[in-house]
Amino acid sequence: MSYSNAQMQPTIGMHPQGGNRNAKNLPLNSSGQRDWSNGMCSCFGDCGTCCVATFFPCVVYGQNKTRREHLERQGYPHPDGGESCGSDCLLHGFITACFGLGCLFQIGERGNTRRRYNIDGGGCGDFCASWCCNPCALTQESREIQQEEESMVPQGHKHA
């Protein structure tokens, strides 16, 4: 009787705490950074998130932030897919409704996402993405987090 170990083998982007942070195995530049896995104009690859980000950006912002923070703290995906109406969402929504500046919160969060996944860029690019096309930027961040989450789910199982 033969026994095979079906454990997932590590790849270049995998970390001991979390999943594969470069699930598409994109090439790294000389600084050890890479491009986003999905371009800004690829937001329609996830139409559901894009639509929610267009009409309720605070919801996607809150989900992205809590999903990323949960991955950092716990090393596995958020069991509920992030908090849709938590304090981060409410603060973002309030500032957006009162002043139209909720996207300013996203600049820092986009930087946190870039650092987690070693994505090339800086604060100026984060500002431009968040200011000029907030739904696309939120969707891009969500898809990056989703790829790490999916890399942690055994094949044959679906992430909620």
N, C-alpha and C. Protein backbone atom coordinates (compact mmCIF):
# COMPACT_ATOMS: atom_id res chain seq x y z
N MET A 1 0.85 -1.16 0.00
CA MET A 1 0.00 0.00 0.00
C MET A 1 0.90 1.23 0.00
N SER A 2 0.68 2.11 -0.96
CA SER A 2 1.51 3.31 -1.03
C SER A 2 0.76 4.48 -0.39
N TYR A 3 1.52 5.35 0.19
CA TYR A 3 0.97 6.52 0.86
C TYR A 3 1.55 7.75 0.21
N SER A 4 0.70 8.70 -0.16
CA SER A 4 1.22 9.94 -0.75
C SER A 4 0.80 11.11 0.13
N ASN A 5 1.70 12.02 0.30
CA ASN A 5 1.45 13.21 1.08
C ASN A 5 0.89 14.27 0.15
N ALA A 6 -0.35 14.67 0.33
CA ALA A 6 -1.02 15.60 -0.57
C ALA A 6 -0.92 17.05 -0.12
N GLN A 7 0.08 17.38 0.67
CA GLN A 7 0.23 18.75 1.13
C GLN A 7 0.66 19.64 -0.02
N MET A 8 0.20 20.90 0.04
CA MET A 8 0.56 21.87 -0.97
C MET A 8 2.06 22.18 -0.84
N GLN A 9 2.75 22.20 -1.96
CA GLN A 9 4.18 22.50 -1.96
C GLN A 9 4.38 24.01 -2.05
N PRO A 10 5.37 24.57 -1.35
CA PRO A 10 5.59 26.01 -1.37
C PRO A 10 6.06 26.49 -2.74
N THR A 11 5.66 27.70 -3.08
CA THR A 11 6.15 28.36 -4.28
C THR A 11 6.82 29.65 -3.87
N ILE A 12 7.36 30.38 -4.82
CA ILE A 12 8.14 31.58 -4.54
C ILE A 12 7.40 32.60 -3.69
N GLY A 13 6.10 32.80 -3.92
CA GLY A 13 5.37 33.84 -3.21
C GLY A 13 4.76 33.41 -1.89
N MET A 14 4.93 32.15 -1.49
CA MET A 14 4.28 31.66 -0.28
C MET A 14 5.05 32.09 0.98
N HIS A 15 4.28 32.30 2.04
CA HIS A 15 4.84 32.70 3.33
C HIS A 15 4.32 31.74 4.39
N PRO A 16 5.10 31.52 5.47
CA PRO A 16 4.65 30.61 6.51
C PRO A 16 3.33 31.04 7.15
N GLN A 17 3.10 32.34 7.28
CA GLN A 17 1.84 32.84 7.83
C GLN A 17 1.05 33.45 6.68
N GLY A 18 0.18 32.69 6.10
CA GLY A 18 -0.62 33.17 4.99
C GLY A 18 -0.41 32.30 3.78
N GLY A 19 -1.00 32.73 2.69
CA GLY A 19 -0.92 31.95 1.46
C GLY A 19 0.11 32.52 0.51
N ASN A 20 -0.10 32.24 -0.75
CA ASN A 20 0.80 32.69 -1.79
C ASN A 20 0.53 34.16 -2.08
N ARG A 21 1.49 35.01 -1.83
CA ARG A 21 1.32 36.45 -2.03
C ARG A 21 1.68 36.87 -3.45
N ASN A 22 2.03 35.90 -4.28
CA ASN A 22 2.27 36.14 -5.69
C ASN A 22 1.70 34.95 -6.45
N ALA A 23 0.38 34.77 -6.34
CA ALA A 23 -0.29 33.57 -6.85
C ALA A 23 -0.13 33.39 -8.36
N LYS A 24 0.08 34.47 -9.08
CA LYS A 24 0.26 34.36 -10.54
C LYS A 24 1.74 34.23 -10.91
N ASN A 25 2.61 34.17 -9.88
CA ASN A 25 4.06 34.06 -10.08
C ASN A 25 4.58 35.11 -11.06
N LEU A 26 4.19 36.35 -10.83
CA LEU A 26 4.65 37.46 -11.66
C LEU A 26 6.12 37.72 -11.40
N PRO A 27 6.85 38.16 -12.41
CA PRO A 27 8.28 38.41 -12.22
C PRO A 27 8.51 39.60 -11.28
N LEU A 28 9.60 39.53 -10.53
CA LEU A 28 9.97 40.60 -9.62
C LEU A 28 10.99 41.51 -10.30
N ASN A 29 10.94 42.80 -9.95
CA ASN A 29 11.94 43.72 -10.49
C ASN A 29 13.20 43.66 -9.63
N SER A 30 14.16 44.51 -9.92
CA SER A 30 15.44 44.47 -9.20
C SER A 30 15.29 44.82 -7.72
N SER A 31 14.18 45.45 -7.34
CA SER A 31 13.91 45.79 -5.94
C SER A 31 13.13 44.69 -5.23
N GLY A 32 12.85 43.59 -5.93
CA GLY A 32 12.09 42.50 -5.33
C GLY A 32 10.60 42.77 -5.30
N GLN A 33 10.15 43.72 -6.11
CA GLN A 33 8.73 44.04 -6.17
C GLN A 33 8.16 43.63 -7.52
N ARG A 34 6.85 43.60 -7.58
CA ARG A 34 6.16 43.16 -8.80
C ARG A 34 5.00 44.09 -9.10
N ASP A 35 4.35 43.83 -10.24
CA ASP A 35 3.15 44.58 -10.60
C ASP A 35 1.93 43.98 -9.91
N TRP A 36 0.82 44.70 -9.95
CA TRP A 36 -0.44 44.17 -9.47
C TRP A 36 -0.80 42.95 -10.32
N SER A 37 -1.46 41.98 -9.73
CA SER A 37 -1.87 40.77 -10.45
C SER A 37 -2.93 41.08 -11.51
N ASN A 38 -3.71 42.13 -11.28
CA ASN A 38 -4.75 42.55 -12.21
C ASN A 38 -4.63 44.05 -12.41
N GLY A 39 -4.74 44.50 -13.63
CA GLY A 39 -4.62 45.93 -13.93
C GLY A 39 -5.81 46.73 -13.42
N MET A 40 -5.65 48.04 -13.38
CA MET A 40 -6.73 48.93 -12.94
C MET A 40 -7.98 48.76 -13.80
N CYS A 41 -7.80 48.56 -15.08
CA CYS A 41 -8.95 48.44 -15.98
C CYS A 41 -9.50 47.02 -16.05
N SER A 42 -8.99 46.14 -15.19
CA SER A 42 -9.48 44.76 -15.14
C SER A 42 -10.57 44.61 -14.09
N CYS A 43 -11.10 45.73 -13.64
CA CYS A 43 -12.08 45.68 -12.55
C CYS A 43 -13.35 44.93 -12.94
N PHE A 44 -13.63 44.83 -14.24
CA PHE A 44 -14.84 44.12 -14.65
C PHE A 44 -14.65 42.61 -14.61
N GLY A 45 -13.44 42.15 -14.27
CA GLY A 45 -13.21 40.73 -14.05
C GLY A 45 -13.94 40.26 -12.80
N ASP A 46 -14.33 41.20 -11.96
CA ASP A 46 -15.12 40.92 -10.76
C ASP A 46 -16.22 41.97 -10.71
N CYS A 47 -17.22 41.79 -11.55
CA CYS A 47 -18.29 42.79 -11.70
C CYS A 47 -19.04 43.06 -10.40
N GLY A 48 -19.24 42.03 -9.59
CA GLY A 48 -19.96 42.21 -8.34
C GLY A 48 -19.26 43.19 -7.42
N THR A 49 -17.96 42.97 -7.21
CA THR A 49 -17.19 43.87 -6.35
C THR A 49 -17.12 45.26 -6.96
N CYS A 50 -16.96 45.33 -8.27
CA CYS A 50 -16.88 46.62 -8.95
C CYS A 50 -18.17 47.42 -8.78
N CYS A 51 -19.31 46.77 -8.89
CA CYS A 51 -20.59 47.45 -8.72
C CYS A 51 -20.77 47.95 -7.29
N VAL A 52 -20.45 47.10 -6.33
CA VAL A 52 -20.57 47.52 -4.92
C VAL A 52 -19.61 48.68 -4.66
N ALA A 53 -18.38 48.60 -5.19
CA ALA A 53 -17.40 49.66 -4.99
C ALA A 53 -17.82 50.96 -5.65
N THR A 54 -18.60 50.88 -6.72
CA THR A 54 -19.08 52.08 -7.39
C THR A 54 -20.14 52.80 -6.57
N PHE A 55 -21.08 52.04 -6.03
CA PHE A 55 -22.21 52.65 -5.32
C PHE A 55 -22.03 52.71 -3.81
N PHE A 56 -21.25 51.79 -3.25
CA PHE A 56 -21.01 51.75 -1.80
C PHE A 56 -19.52 51.46 -1.54
N PRO A 57 -18.64 52.40 -1.89
CA PRO A 57 -17.21 52.14 -1.74
C PRO A 57 -16.80 51.84 -0.30
N CYS A 58 -17.56 52.36 0.65
CA CYS A 58 -17.23 52.12 2.06
C CYS A 58 -17.31 50.63 2.40
N VAL A 59 -18.23 49.91 1.78
CA VAL A 59 -18.40 48.47 2.05
C VAL A 59 -17.16 47.70 1.59
N VAL A 60 -16.72 47.94 0.35
CA VAL A 60 -15.56 47.23 -0.18
C VAL A 60 -14.30 47.65 0.57
N TYR A 61 -14.19 48.93 0.91
CA TYR A 61 -13.05 49.40 1.70
C TYR A 61 -12.99 48.64 3.03
N GLY A 62 -14.11 48.55 3.73
CA GLY A 62 -14.15 47.85 5.02
C GLY A 62 -13.82 46.38 4.87
N GLN A 63 -14.36 45.74 3.85
CA GLN A 63 -14.06 44.33 3.61
C GLN A 63 -12.58 44.12 3.32
N ASN A 64 -12.03 44.93 2.42
CA ASN A 64 -10.61 44.79 2.07
C ASN A 64 -9.72 44.94 3.30
N LYS A 65 -10.00 45.98 4.07
CA LYS A 65 -9.15 46.26 5.24
C LYS A 65 -9.23 45.13 6.25
N THR A 66 -10.42 44.67 6.58
CA THR A 66 -10.53 43.62 7.58
C THR A 66 -10.01 42.27 7.07
N ARG A 67 -10.17 42.01 5.79
CA ARG A 67 -9.62 40.76 5.21
C ARG A 67 -8.09 40.77 5.28
N ARG A 68 -7.48 41.89 4.87
CA ARG A 68 -6.01 41.97 4.89
C ARG A 68 -5.49 41.90 6.32
N GLU A 69 -6.11 42.63 7.23
CA GLU A 69 -5.67 42.61 8.62
C GLU A 69 -5.82 41.22 9.23
N HIS A 70 -6.89 40.51 8.90
CA HIS A 70 -7.11 39.16 9.41
C HIS A 70 -6.01 38.23 8.89
N LEU A 71 -5.68 38.35 7.61
CA LEU A 71 -4.59 37.53 7.06
C LEU A 71 -3.29 37.80 7.79
N GLU A 72 -3.02 39.07 8.09
CA GLU A 72 -1.77 39.42 8.77
C GLU A 72 -1.74 38.91 10.21
N ARG A 73 -2.86 39.03 10.91
CA ARG A 73 -2.91 38.62 12.32
C ARG A 73 -3.05 37.12 12.50
N GLN A 74 -3.94 36.51 11.71
CA GLN A 74 -4.29 35.11 11.93
C GLN A 74 -3.61 34.14 10.97
N GLY A 75 -3.23 34.62 9.79
CA GLY A 75 -2.57 33.75 8.82
C GLY A 75 -3.52 32.92 7.98
N TYR A 76 -4.81 33.23 8.05
CA TYR A 76 -5.80 32.53 7.22
C TYR A 76 -6.93 33.51 6.89
N PRO A 77 -7.75 33.20 5.88
CA PRO A 77 -8.81 34.12 5.44
C PRO A 77 -9.84 34.44 6.52
N HIS A 78 -10.37 35.65 6.44
CA HIS A 78 -11.44 36.07 7.34
C HIS A 78 -12.63 35.14 7.12
N PRO A 79 -13.19 34.57 8.18
CA PRO A 79 -14.26 33.57 8.02
C PRO A 79 -15.52 34.13 7.38
N ASP A 80 -15.76 35.43 7.49
CA ASP A 80 -16.97 36.04 6.93
C ASP A 80 -16.69 36.84 5.66
N GLY A 81 -15.48 36.77 5.14
CA GLY A 81 -15.16 37.54 3.94
C GLY A 81 -14.95 39.02 4.22
N GLY A 82 -14.65 39.36 5.45
CA GLY A 82 -14.44 40.76 5.84
C GLY A 82 -15.70 41.36 6.43
N GLU A 83 -15.52 42.47 7.12
CA GLU A 83 -16.65 43.16 7.74
C GLU A 83 -17.20 44.20 6.78
N SER A 84 -18.46 44.02 6.39
CA SER A 84 -19.09 44.93 5.44
C SER A 84 -19.54 46.23 6.10
N CYS A 85 -19.98 46.18 7.31
CA CYS A 85 -20.52 47.37 7.97
C CYS A 85 -19.87 47.61 9.32
N GLY A 86 -18.57 47.39 9.41
CA GLY A 86 -17.84 47.64 10.65
C GLY A 86 -17.46 49.10 10.77
N SER A 87 -16.65 49.41 11.75
CA SER A 87 -16.26 50.80 12.01
C SER A 87 -15.49 51.41 10.84
N ASP A 88 -14.67 50.62 10.14
CA ASP A 88 -13.94 51.16 9.00
C ASP A 88 -14.89 51.60 7.90
N CYS A 89 -15.89 50.79 7.63
CA CYS A 89 -16.91 51.10 6.62
C CYS A 89 -17.69 52.35 7.03
N LEU A 90 -18.10 52.40 8.28
CA LEU A 90 -18.90 53.53 8.75
C LEU A 90 -18.14 54.84 8.70
N LEU A 91 -16.87 54.83 9.09
CA LEU A 91 -16.05 56.04 9.04
C LEU A 91 -15.85 56.50 7.60
N HIS A 92 -15.51 55.55 6.73
CA HIS A 92 -15.33 55.85 5.31
C HIS A 92 -16.63 56.42 4.73
N GLY A 93 -17.75 55.78 5.03
CA GLY A 93 -19.05 56.23 4.53
C GLY A 93 -19.41 57.61 5.03
N PHE A 94 -19.15 57.89 6.30
CA PHE A 94 -19.46 59.19 6.88
C PHE A 94 -18.65 60.30 6.20
N ILE A 95 -17.34 60.08 6.05
CA ILE A 95 -16.47 61.09 5.43
C ILE A 95 -16.84 61.27 3.95
N THR A 96 -17.23 60.18 3.30
CA THR A 96 -17.65 60.28 1.89
C THR A 96 -18.96 61.07 1.79
N ALA A 97 -19.92 60.76 2.64
CA ALA A 97 -21.22 61.43 2.58
C ALA A 97 -21.12 62.91 2.94
N CYS A 98 -20.30 63.23 3.93
CA CYS A 98 -20.21 64.62 4.40
C CYS A 98 -19.27 65.48 3.56
N PHE A 99 -18.15 64.91 3.14
CA PHE A 99 -17.13 65.72 2.49
C PHE A 99 -16.69 65.20 1.11
N GLY A 100 -17.16 64.00 0.75
CA GLY A 100 -16.76 63.43 -0.53
C GLY A 100 -15.30 63.00 -0.56
N LEU A 101 -14.69 62.75 0.59
CA LEU A 101 -13.26 62.46 0.65
C LEU A 101 -12.93 61.10 1.26
N GLY A 102 -13.85 60.18 1.21
CA GLY A 102 -13.60 58.85 1.76
C GLY A 102 -12.44 58.15 1.09
N CYS A 103 -12.19 58.48 -0.16
CA CYS A 103 -11.08 57.83 -0.87
C CYS A 103 -9.73 58.15 -0.23
N LEU A 104 -9.66 59.19 0.59
CA LEU A 104 -8.40 59.50 1.27
C LEU A 104 -7.99 58.38 2.24
N PHE A 105 -8.99 57.71 2.83
CA PHE A 105 -8.68 56.57 3.69
C PHE A 105 -8.04 55.45 2.87
N GLN A 106 -8.51 55.35 1.65
CA GLN A 106 -8.04 54.26 0.82
C GLN A 106 -6.58 54.40 0.42
N ILE A 107 -6.06 55.59 0.38
CA ILE A 107 -4.65 55.78 -0.01
C ILE A 107 -3.74 55.00 0.92
N GLY A 108 -3.93 55.16 2.22
CA GLY A 108 -3.11 54.43 3.19
C GLY A 108 -3.34 52.93 3.13
N GLU A 109 -4.59 52.53 2.96
CA GLU A 109 -4.90 51.10 2.90
C GLU A 109 -4.34 50.46 1.64
N ARG A 110 -4.36 51.21 0.53
CA ARG A 110 -3.78 50.71 -0.72
C ARG A 110 -2.27 50.50 -0.54
N GLY A 111 -1.64 51.42 0.17
CA GLY A 111 -0.20 51.28 0.48
C GLY A 111 0.06 50.04 1.33
N ASN A 112 -0.80 49.78 2.31
CA ASN A 112 -0.65 48.58 3.14
C ASN A 112 -0.78 47.31 2.30
N THR A 113 -1.73 47.32 1.38
CA THR A 113 -1.91 46.16 0.50
C THR A 113 -0.68 45.99 -0.40
N ARG A 114 -0.19 47.10 -0.96
CA ARG A 114 1.01 47.01 -1.80
C ARG A 114 2.19 46.44 -1.04
N ARG A 115 2.39 46.90 0.20
CA ARG A 115 3.51 46.39 1.00
C ARG A 115 3.36 44.91 1.32
N ARG A 116 2.15 44.47 1.63
CA ARG A 116 1.94 43.06 1.95
C ARG A 116 2.32 42.17 0.77
N TYR A 117 1.99 42.61 -0.43
CA TYR A 117 2.21 41.79 -1.61
C TYR A 117 3.45 42.21 -2.41
N ASN A 118 4.28 43.07 -1.84
CA ASN A 118 5.51 43.55 -2.51
C ASN A 118 5.21 44.07 -3.91
N ILE A 119 4.21 44.92 -4.00
CA ILE A 119 3.81 45.50 -5.29
C ILE A 119 4.50 46.85 -5.44
N ASP A 120 5.07 47.04 -6.61
CA ASP A 120 5.79 48.27 -6.93
C ASP A 120 4.82 49.45 -6.92
N GLY A 121 5.28 50.60 -6.46
CA GLY A 121 4.47 51.80 -6.47
C GLY A 121 4.78 52.68 -5.28
N GLY A 122 3.99 53.73 -5.11
CA GLY A 122 4.21 54.67 -4.02
C GLY A 122 2.94 55.44 -3.70
N GLY A 123 3.08 56.38 -2.79
CA GLY A 123 1.95 57.16 -2.34
C GLY A 123 1.29 57.98 -3.43
N CYS A 124 2.06 58.52 -4.35
CA CYS A 124 1.50 59.32 -5.43
C CYS A 124 0.60 58.46 -6.32
N GLY A 125 1.07 57.28 -6.67
CA GLY A 125 0.26 56.36 -7.48
C GLY A 125 -0.98 55.90 -6.73
N ASP A 126 -0.83 55.68 -5.41
CA ASP A 126 -1.98 55.28 -4.59
C ASP A 126 -3.03 56.39 -4.58
N PHE A 127 -2.56 57.64 -4.45
CA PHE A 127 -3.48 58.78 -4.47
C PHE A 127 -4.21 58.87 -5.80
N CYS A 128 -3.45 58.81 -6.90
CA CYS A 128 -4.06 58.93 -8.23
C CYS A 128 -5.08 57.82 -8.48
N ALA A 129 -4.74 56.59 -8.11
CA ALA A 129 -5.67 55.46 -8.32
C ALA A 129 -6.93 55.65 -7.49
N SER A 130 -6.77 56.04 -6.23
CA SER A 130 -7.91 56.19 -5.33
C SER A 130 -8.78 57.39 -5.70
N TRP A 131 -8.16 58.45 -6.14
CA TRP A 131 -8.89 59.67 -6.47
C TRP A 131 -9.57 59.57 -7.83
N CYS A 132 -8.84 59.07 -8.82
CA CYS A 132 -9.36 59.08 -10.20
C CYS A 132 -10.31 57.93 -10.50
N CYS A 133 -10.07 56.77 -9.93
CA CYS A 133 -10.95 55.63 -10.21
C CYS A 133 -11.05 54.75 -8.97
N ASN A 134 -11.72 55.28 -7.99
CA ASN A 134 -11.85 54.60 -6.71
C ASN A 134 -12.45 53.19 -6.83
N PRO A 135 -13.53 52.98 -7.58
CA PRO A 135 -14.08 51.61 -7.68
C PRO A 135 -13.08 50.62 -8.28
N CYS A 136 -12.35 51.06 -9.30
CA CYS A 136 -11.36 50.17 -9.93
C CYS A 136 -10.23 49.84 -8.96
N ALA A 137 -9.78 50.84 -8.21
CA ALA A 137 -8.70 50.62 -7.25
C ALA A 137 -9.15 49.67 -6.14
N LEU A 138 -10.36 49.87 -5.62
CA LEU A 138 -10.88 48.99 -4.58
C LEU A 138 -11.02 47.55 -5.09
N THR A 139 -11.49 47.41 -6.31
CA THR A 139 -11.65 46.08 -6.90
C THR A 139 -10.29 45.42 -7.10
N GLN A 140 -9.32 46.19 -7.56
CA GLN A 140 -7.97 45.66 -7.76
C GLN A 140 -7.39 45.15 -6.45
N GLU A 141 -7.56 45.90 -5.38
CA GLU A 141 -7.06 45.47 -4.07
C GLU A 141 -7.80 44.22 -3.60
N SER A 142 -9.10 44.19 -3.78
CA SER A 142 -9.90 43.03 -3.37
C SER A 142 -9.44 41.77 -4.09
N ARG A 143 -9.16 41.88 -5.37
CA ARG A 143 -8.73 40.72 -6.16
C ARG A 143 -7.35 40.24 -5.73
N GLU A 144 -6.49 41.15 -5.32
CA GLU A 144 -5.16 40.77 -4.85
C GLU A 144 -5.27 39.96 -3.56
N ILE A 145 -6.10 40.43 -2.64
CA ILE A 145 -6.33 39.72 -1.37
C ILE A 145 -6.99 38.37 -1.65
N GLN A 146 -7.94 38.35 -2.56
CA GLN A 146 -8.66 37.12 -2.89
C GLN A 146 -7.71 36.05 -3.42
N GLN A 147 -6.73 36.44 -4.20
CA GLN A 147 -5.80 35.44 -4.74
C GLN A 147 -5.00 34.76 -3.64
N GLU A 148 -4.60 35.54 -2.62
CA GLU A 148 -3.90 34.91 -1.50
C GLU A 148 -4.85 33.98 -0.75
N GLU A 149 -6.08 34.44 -0.51
CA GLU A 149 -7.05 33.61 0.20
C GLU A 149 -7.31 32.30 -0.55
N GLU A 150 -7.48 32.39 -1.86
CA GLU A 150 -7.75 31.19 -2.65
C GLU A 150 -6.56 30.24 -2.68
N SER A 151 -5.35 30.77 -2.54
CA SER A 151 -4.16 29.90 -2.54
C SER A 151 -4.09 29.07 -1.26
N MET A 152 -4.89 29.43 -0.26
CA MET A 152 -4.87 28.72 1.02
C MET A 152 -5.96 27.65 1.11
N VAL A 153 -6.88 27.66 0.18
CA VAL A 153 -8.00 26.72 0.19
C VAL A 153 -7.59 25.49 -0.61
N PRO A 154 -7.70 24.30 -0.02
CA PRO A 154 -7.33 23.08 -0.77
C PRO A 154 -8.13 22.97 -2.08
N GLN A 155 -7.48 22.45 -3.09
CA GLN A 155 -8.17 22.29 -4.37
C GLN A 155 -9.39 21.40 -4.18
N GLY A 156 -10.46 21.75 -4.88
CA GLY A 156 -11.70 21.01 -4.76
C GLY A 156 -12.65 21.64 -3.76
N HIS A 157 -12.15 22.59 -2.95
CA HIS A 157 -12.99 23.30 -1.99
C HIS A 157 -13.16 24.72 -2.49
N LYS A 158 -14.27 25.32 -2.19
CA LYS A 158 -14.56 26.68 -2.64
C LYS A 158 -14.50 27.61 -1.45
N HIS A 159 -13.79 28.77 -1.62
CA HIS A 159 -13.72 29.79 -0.57
C HIS A 159 -15.03 30.56 -0.54
N ALA A 160 -15.57 30.76 0.64
CA ALA A 160 -16.85 31.48 0.77
C ALA A 160 -16.71 32.95 0.48
